[in-house]
Amino acid sequence: MTTALPVLTSSRLKTARACQRLHRYQYTLGYRPLAESSAARFGTLVHLALEAWMRSTNDRLAAALQVLELTEADPFDRARAAALVTGYHFRWADEPMKVLTVEAKFETDLRNPSTGHPSRTWRVGGKLDGIVEVNDDPMVLEHKVTSEDMGPGTTYWARLKLDGQISMYFVGANALGFDVKGCIYDVLKRPAQRPYKATPLEDRKLKKDGTPYASTRMSDETPEEFKARVMEAIAENPTDYYSRGTVVRLEGEVEEALTDVWQTARILHENELRGFAPRTVEACIRYGSPCPFLPVCSGEASLEDATLYRKLTDVHPELSEAA
């Protein structure tokens, strides 16, 4: 009887490289925090809308906005995402790009870089946002939502030269039968605007005729008002919110990235044999936010606490057929 090997995805590898104890919690034991970061929630919203946008053969924008309306997300997150996706549509809809496949799942052998033999412990896999055709050339298309400065010449683009995830896209496309010539890295910047709140009663200033001064708000901003304000900001400076670049990989660069994967895989296998994984204290606080498993590592909470964590039956829900 053949047993399916566990899969190393880019997300799993990124987690392992950040902290092997975090990898053990999430992928070996299968736990996830109940609370999701606001950035992750917003990124998921935008990706859902862009998936619908790419799949549509009719009114792309309407398809994307309908998906957002059907979610149970916070109304202001939906408004922010709708504004960003609307601007995206008007920025890129007329670009000559033919969609070949959307959300394409792949899985293939992880090969020993010295012998070329497939691993008996791991496979590599993932899901591509899309494969498109530009000027008769197949290309990977990857959407990213960020709060970073992603203008030309920034470190955001410089580090992509070493990004192993992009190399994995080439591996995945090849496994799906596409000889891609590059990866179109499609970046959207998360709007930083926040909804306006009504001025507190004690701070409200009214004119003699009873009307409020311009600095005084009598009511909270509605989601529709917020969406209009975000769209106006995007329209004034679209290049601040949308950027595309083509990233290429030479054969040797892909092989080097896969060697990195092989070495990480060896470390993870050794950890599993020992039933232990070291902590990386530097990863306890990342991007100004604590790791959701910090309470477990510090002895203040348990993985069994159902108010904080849930246990998955599939540690790669993003690769499921329903995803």
Protein backbone atom coordinates (compact mmCIF):
# COMPACT_ATOMS: atom_id res chain seq x y z
CA MET A 1 0.00 0.00 0.00
CA THR A 2 1.41 3.37 -1.01
CA THR A 3 1.17 6.20 1.52
CA ALA A 4 0.98 9.76 0.21
CA LEU A 5 3.99 11.81 1.18
CA PRO A 6 3.53 15.12 3.02
CA VAL A 7 3.79 18.20 0.84
CA LEU A 8 6.10 21.17 1.27
CA THR A 9 4.40 24.34 0.03
CA SER A 10 5.94 27.79 -0.11
CA SER A 11 3.87 28.82 2.91
CA ARG A 12 5.04 25.80 4.86
CA LEU A 13 8.67 26.43 3.96
CA LYS A 14 8.37 30.10 4.91
CA THR A 15 6.94 29.10 8.28
CA ALA A 16 9.71 26.56 8.86
CA ARG A 17 12.42 29.08 8.05
CA ALA A 18 10.88 31.65 10.38
CA CYS A 19 10.56 29.25 13.34
CA GLN A 20 10.71 25.46 13.41
CA ARG A 21 8.57 25.33 16.56
CA LEU A 22 5.88 27.33 14.75
CA HIS A 23 6.10 24.83 11.87
CA ARG A 24 5.62 21.97 14.33
CA TYR A 25 2.51 23.57 15.81
CA GLN A 26 0.94 24.38 12.45
CA TYR A 27 2.01 21.58 10.12
CA THR A 28 3.13 18.61 12.20
CA LEU A 29 0.42 18.93 14.85
CA GLY A 30 -2.07 20.81 12.66
CA TYR A 31 -3.10 23.72 14.87
CA ARG A 32 -4.11 27.18 13.68
CA PRO A 33 -5.05 30.27 15.67
CA LEU A 34 -8.75 31.12 15.67
CA ALA A 35 -8.00 34.81 15.23
CA GLU A 36 -6.67 35.90 11.86
CA SER A 37 -4.69 39.10 11.40
CA SER A 38 -6.44 42.01 9.70
CA ALA A 39 -3.79 41.99 6.95
CA ALA A 40 -4.40 38.29 6.26
CA ARG A 41 -8.17 38.76 6.19
CA PHE A 42 -7.89 41.65 3.77
CA GLY A 43 -5.44 39.78 1.55
CA THR A 44 -7.85 36.86 1.36
CA LEU A 45 -10.70 39.17 0.34
CA VAL A 46 -8.69 40.73 -2.47
CA HIS A 47 -7.49 37.34 -3.72
CA LEU A 48 -11.05 36.02 -3.85
CA ALA A 49 -12.12 39.03 -5.88
CA LEU A 50 -9.16 38.81 -8.25
CA GLU A 51 -9.79 35.09 -8.78
CA ALA A 52 -13.35 35.91 -9.86
CA TRP A 53 -12.00 38.76 -12.02
CA MET A 54 -9.65 36.38 -13.85
CA ARG A 55 -12.26 33.64 -14.29
CA SER A 56 -14.92 35.95 -15.71
CA THR A 57 -15.38 36.08 -19.47
CA ASN A 58 -18.00 38.83 -19.29
CA ASP A 59 -18.10 41.76 -16.87
CA ARG A 60 -14.97 41.12 -14.84
CA LEU A 61 -15.46 43.97 -12.40
CA ALA A 62 -19.05 42.98 -11.64
CA ALA A 63 -17.94 39.39 -10.99
CA ALA A 64 -15.22 40.53 -8.59
CA LEU A 65 -17.47 42.92 -6.68
CA GLN A 66 -20.22 40.30 -6.40
CA VAL A 67 -17.80 37.91 -4.69
CA LEU A 68 -16.95 40.61 -2.15
CA GLU A 69 -20.62 41.30 -1.47
CA LEU A 70 -21.27 37.63 -0.76
CA THR A 71 -18.58 37.37 1.92
CA GLU A 72 -19.26 37.83 5.61
CA ALA A 73 -16.28 40.14 6.03
CA ASP A 74 -16.34 43.43 7.91
CA PRO A 75 -18.26 45.99 5.79
CA PHE A 76 -15.36 48.43 5.82
CA ASP A 77 -12.91 45.71 4.76
CA ARG A 78 -15.28 44.90 1.89
CA ALA A 79 -15.47 48.58 0.99
CA ARG A 80 -11.68 48.94 1.03
CA ALA A 81 -11.25 45.78 -1.05
CA ALA A 82 -13.94 46.90 -3.52
CA ALA A 83 -12.19 50.24 -4.01
CA LEU A 84 -8.83 48.53 -4.55
CA VAL A 85 -10.21 45.95 -6.99
CA THR A 86 -12.14 48.62 -8.90
CA GLY A 87 -8.96 50.61 -9.36
CA TYR A 88 -7.15 47.42 -10.37
CA HIS A 89 -9.74 46.78 -13.06
CA PHE A 90 -9.36 50.21 -14.62
CA ARG A 91 -5.57 50.00 -14.34
CA TRP A 92 -5.08 46.60 -15.98
CA ALA A 93 -8.26 45.45 -17.76
CA ASP A 94 -7.04 46.55 -21.20
CA GLU A 95 -3.62 44.92 -20.92
CA PRO A 96 -3.09 42.22 -23.60
CA MET A 97 -3.16 39.12 -21.41
CA LYS A 98 -4.94 35.82 -22.04
CA VAL A 99 -5.83 33.75 -18.99
CA LEU A 100 -4.87 30.08 -19.44
CA THR A 101 -5.64 28.74 -15.98
CA VAL A 102 -6.64 30.09 -12.57
CA GLU A 103 -5.80 28.75 -9.10
CA ALA A 104 -3.91 25.82 -10.56
CA LYS A 105 -2.87 23.21 -8.00
CA PHE A 106 0.38 21.29 -8.53
CA GLU A 107 2.35 18.58 -6.78
CA THR A 108 5.63 17.01 -7.88
CA ASP A 109 8.75 15.24 -6.65
CA LEU A 110 11.33 16.91 -4.47
CA ARG A 111 14.60 15.64 -5.89
CA ASN A 112 17.97 15.19 -4.25
CA PRO A 113 20.18 17.90 -5.80
CA SER A 114 23.17 15.54 -5.80
CA THR A 115 21.62 12.36 -7.20
CA GLY A 116 18.41 13.54 -8.87
CA HIS A 117 16.47 10.83 -7.04
CA PRO A 118 13.05 11.77 -5.62
CA SER A 119 12.71 12.19 -1.88
CA ARG A 120 11.08 9.32 -0.03
CA THR A 121 9.95 11.71 2.69
CA TRP A 122 8.53 14.83 1.02
CA ARG A 123 6.97 16.21 -2.13
CA VAL A 124 6.62 19.84 -3.13
CA GLY A 125 3.36 21.45 -4.10
CA GLY A 126 1.29 24.58 -4.13
CA LYS A 127 -1.28 26.57 -6.03
CA LEU A 128 -0.58 29.20 -8.68
CA ASP A 129 -2.81 32.29 -8.82
CA GLY A 130 -2.80 31.95 -12.56
CA ILE A 131 -0.94 31.20 -15.77
CA VAL A 132 -1.45 33.71 -18.54
CA GLU A 133 -0.24 34.24 -22.08
CA VAL A 134 1.48 37.48 -23.07
CA ASN A 135 2.76 37.91 -26.63
CA ASP A 136 2.33 34.14 -27.15
CA ASP A 137 4.51 33.37 -24.11
CA PRO A 138 3.06 31.55 -21.08
CA MET A 139 3.76 33.38 -17.80
CA VAL A 140 2.96 32.77 -14.16
CA LEU A 141 0.77 35.52 -12.70
CA GLU A 142 1.09 36.10 -8.96
CA HIS A 143 -1.03 38.58 -6.99
CA LYS A 144 0.36 40.10 -3.81
CA VAL A 145 -1.24 42.54 -1.39
CA THR A 146 1.20 44.53 0.73
CA SER A 147 1.40 47.55 2.99
CA GLU A 148 5.05 48.12 2.04
CA ASP A 149 6.47 50.68 -0.35
CA MET A 150 6.58 48.75 -3.62
CA GLY A 151 7.66 51.51 -5.98
CA PRO A 152 10.38 51.02 -8.63
CA GLY A 153 13.84 50.55 -7.14
CA THR A 154 12.62 49.67 -3.65
CA THR A 155 13.89 46.71 -1.65
CA TYR A 156 10.48 45.09 -2.23
CA TRP A 157 11.53 44.30 -5.79
CA ALA A 158 15.20 43.73 -5.05
CA ARG A 159 14.53 40.81 -2.71
CA LEU A 160 12.43 39.01 -5.32
CA LYS A 161 15.69 38.02 -7.01
CA LEU A 162 16.24 35.63 -4.09
CA ASP A 163 12.62 34.71 -3.36
CA GLY A 164 12.35 30.92 -3.33
CA GLN A 165 8.58 31.12 -3.72
CA ILE A 166 8.95 32.49 -7.22
CA SER A 167 11.33 29.68 -8.12
CA MET A 168 8.67 27.27 -6.86
CA TYR A 169 6.19 28.88 -9.27
CA PHE A 170 8.44 27.84 -12.16
CA VAL A 171 8.62 24.29 -10.78
CA GLY A 172 4.84 24.21 -10.41
CA ALA A 173 4.17 25.57 -13.90
CA ASN A 174 6.53 22.99 -15.37
CA ALA A 175 4.74 20.22 -13.44
CA LEU A 176 1.49 21.43 -15.01
CA GLY A 177 2.98 21.29 -18.50
CA PHE A 178 3.71 24.98 -19.04
CA ASP A 179 7.14 26.16 -20.15
CA VAL A 180 6.77 29.62 -18.62
CA LYS A 181 9.13 32.43 -19.56
CA GLY A 182 8.74 34.44 -16.38
CA CYS A 183 6.52 35.45 -13.49
CA ILE A 184 4.39 38.58 -13.67
CA TYR A 185 4.47 39.83 -10.10
CA ASP A 186 1.29 41.82 -9.67
CA VAL A 187 1.34 43.94 -6.49
CA LEU A 188 -1.53 45.86 -4.90
CA LYS A 189 -0.96 48.16 -1.94
CA ARG A 190 -3.42 47.95 0.92
CA PRO A 191 -5.11 51.34 1.37
CA ALA A 192 -4.16 52.79 4.74
CA GLN A 193 -7.25 54.98 5.14
CA ARG A 194 -9.50 54.27 8.10
CA PRO A 195 -13.20 55.04 8.47
CA TYR A 196 -14.01 58.42 9.97
CA LYS A 197 -15.79 58.41 13.31
CA ALA A 198 -18.29 60.97 14.56
CA THR A 199 -16.82 63.75 16.66
CA PRO A 200 -17.45 63.04 20.37
CA LEU A 201 -20.39 65.02 21.75
CA GLU A 202 -18.20 67.05 24.09
CA ASP A 203 -15.93 68.12 21.21
CA ARG A 204 -18.56 69.07 18.66
CA LYS A 205 -18.57 72.70 17.54
CA LEU A 206 -21.61 74.24 15.88
CA LYS A 207 -22.15 77.54 14.13
CA LYS A 208 -24.78 79.98 15.33
CA ASP A 209 -27.27 78.56 12.83
CA GLY A 210 -26.78 75.09 14.32
CA THR A 211 -24.77 73.62 11.44
CA PRO A 212 -21.46 71.92 12.28
CA TYR A 213 -18.04 73.34 11.44
CA ALA A 214 -16.06 71.47 8.76
CA SER A 215 -13.90 69.84 11.44
CA THR A 216 -16.94 68.39 13.21
CA ARG A 217 -18.55 65.11 12.12
CA MET A 218 -22.08 64.46 13.31
CA SER A 219 -22.10 60.77 12.33
CA ASP A 220 -19.77 57.89 11.55
CA GLU A 221 -18.66 57.43 7.95
CA THR A 222 -20.67 54.73 6.18
CA PRO A 223 -19.01 51.91 4.21
CA GLU A 224 -20.18 53.47 0.94
CA GLU A 225 -18.74 56.88 1.91
CA PHE A 226 -15.52 55.21 2.95
CA LYS A 227 -15.31 53.30 -0.34
CA ALA A 228 -15.78 56.53 -2.32
CA ARG A 229 -13.04 58.26 -0.34
CA VAL A 230 -10.59 55.39 -0.85
CA MET A 231 -11.39 55.26 -4.57
CA GLU A 232 -10.71 58.98 -4.83
CA ALA A 233 -7.31 58.55 -3.18
CA ILE A 234 -6.46 55.68 -5.54
CA ALA A 235 -7.55 57.65 -8.61
CA GLU A 236 -5.29 60.55 -7.62
CA ASN A 237 -2.17 58.35 -7.36
CA PRO A 238 -2.75 54.94 -8.98
CA THR A 239 0.97 54.14 -9.20
CA ASP A 240 1.08 54.20 -5.40
CA TYR A 241 -1.37 51.29 -5.33
CA TYR A 242 -0.55 49.13 -8.36
CA SER A 243 2.75 47.85 -9.65
CA ARG A 244 3.78 45.04 -11.96
CA GLY A 245 7.12 43.56 -12.81
CA THR A 246 8.39 40.48 -14.59
CA VAL A 247 10.69 38.22 -12.62
CA VAL A 248 12.71 35.60 -14.48
CA ARG A 249 14.66 32.59 -13.30
CA LEU A 250 17.59 30.92 -14.96
CA GLU A 251 17.77 27.13 -14.70
CA GLY A 252 20.65 27.34 -12.22
CA GLU A 253 18.69 29.72 -10.01
CA VAL A 254 15.76 27.32 -9.81
CA GLU A 255 18.13 24.48 -8.96
CA GLU A 256 19.73 26.57 -6.22
CA ALA A 257 16.33 27.35 -4.72
CA LEU A 258 15.40 23.65 -4.77
CA THR A 259 18.67 22.87 -2.99
CA ASP A 260 17.54 25.29 -0.27
CA VAL A 261 14.24 23.39 -0.09
CA TRP A 262 16.06 20.06 0.15
CA GLN A 263 18.18 21.27 3.07
CA THR A 264 15.14 22.66 4.89
CA ALA A 265 13.33 19.37 4.29
CA ARG A 266 16.22 17.42 5.86
CA ILE A 267 16.07 19.59 8.98
CA LEU A 268 12.30 19.14 9.27
CA HIS A 269 12.59 15.38 8.87
CA GLU A 270 15.21 15.22 11.60
CA ASN A 271 12.96 17.28 13.87
CA GLU A 272 10.07 14.91 13.26
CA LEU A 273 12.23 11.90 14.07
CA ARG A 274 13.21 13.54 17.35
CA GLY A 275 9.70 14.79 18.08
CA PHE A 276 11.13 18.21 18.83
CA ALA A 277 11.64 21.52 17.07
CA PRO A 278 13.76 24.45 18.31
CA ARG A 279 12.24 27.88 18.94
CA THR A 280 13.38 31.04 17.16
CA VAL A 281 12.89 33.82 19.69
CA GLU A 282 13.48 36.47 17.03
CA ALA A 283 10.24 35.33 15.38
CA CYS A 284 8.10 35.83 18.51
CA ILE A 285 7.39 39.39 17.38
CA ARG A 286 7.21 39.99 13.64
CA TYR A 287 6.05 43.11 11.82
CA GLY A 288 5.10 44.58 15.18
CA SER A 289 2.72 41.74 16.09
CA PRO A 290 3.25 38.77 18.43
CA CYS A 291 3.21 35.23 17.10
CA PRO A 292 -0.22 33.72 17.81
CA PHE A 293 1.51 30.76 19.48
CA LEU A 294 3.64 32.88 21.81
CA PRO A 295 1.30 32.06 24.74
CA VAL A 296 1.95 28.35 24.16
CA CYS A 297 5.72 28.70 24.02
CA SER A 298 5.73 30.91 27.12
CA GLY A 299 3.59 28.43 29.07
CA GLU A 300 0.59 30.75 29.41
CA ALA A 301 -1.77 28.76 27.17
CA SER A 302 -2.29 25.31 25.71
CA LEU A 303 -2.81 24.16 22.15
CA GLU A 304 -5.92 22.44 23.47
CA ASP A 305 -7.50 25.79 24.36
CA ALA A 306 -10.45 25.87 21.94
CA THR A 307 -10.92 29.60 22.53
CA LEU A 308 -7.51 30.28 20.94
CA TYR A 309 -6.73 27.42 18.55
CA ARG A 310 -8.40 24.90 16.28
CA LYS A 311 -7.04 21.61 14.97
CA LEU A 312 -7.21 20.98 11.23
CA THR A 313 -7.72 17.63 9.56
CA ASP A 314 -5.90 19.01 6.49
CA VAL A 315 -2.82 21.14 7.17
CA HIS A 316 -3.01 22.52 3.62
CA PRO A 317 -6.61 23.75 3.32
CA GLU A 318 -5.52 26.14 0.57
CA LEU A 319 -4.78 23.11 -1.63
CA SER A 320 -8.13 21.41 -1.16
CA GLU A 321 -10.42 21.11 -4.12
CA ALA A 322 -12.92 23.45 -2.49
CA ALA A 323 -10.37 26.16 -1.85
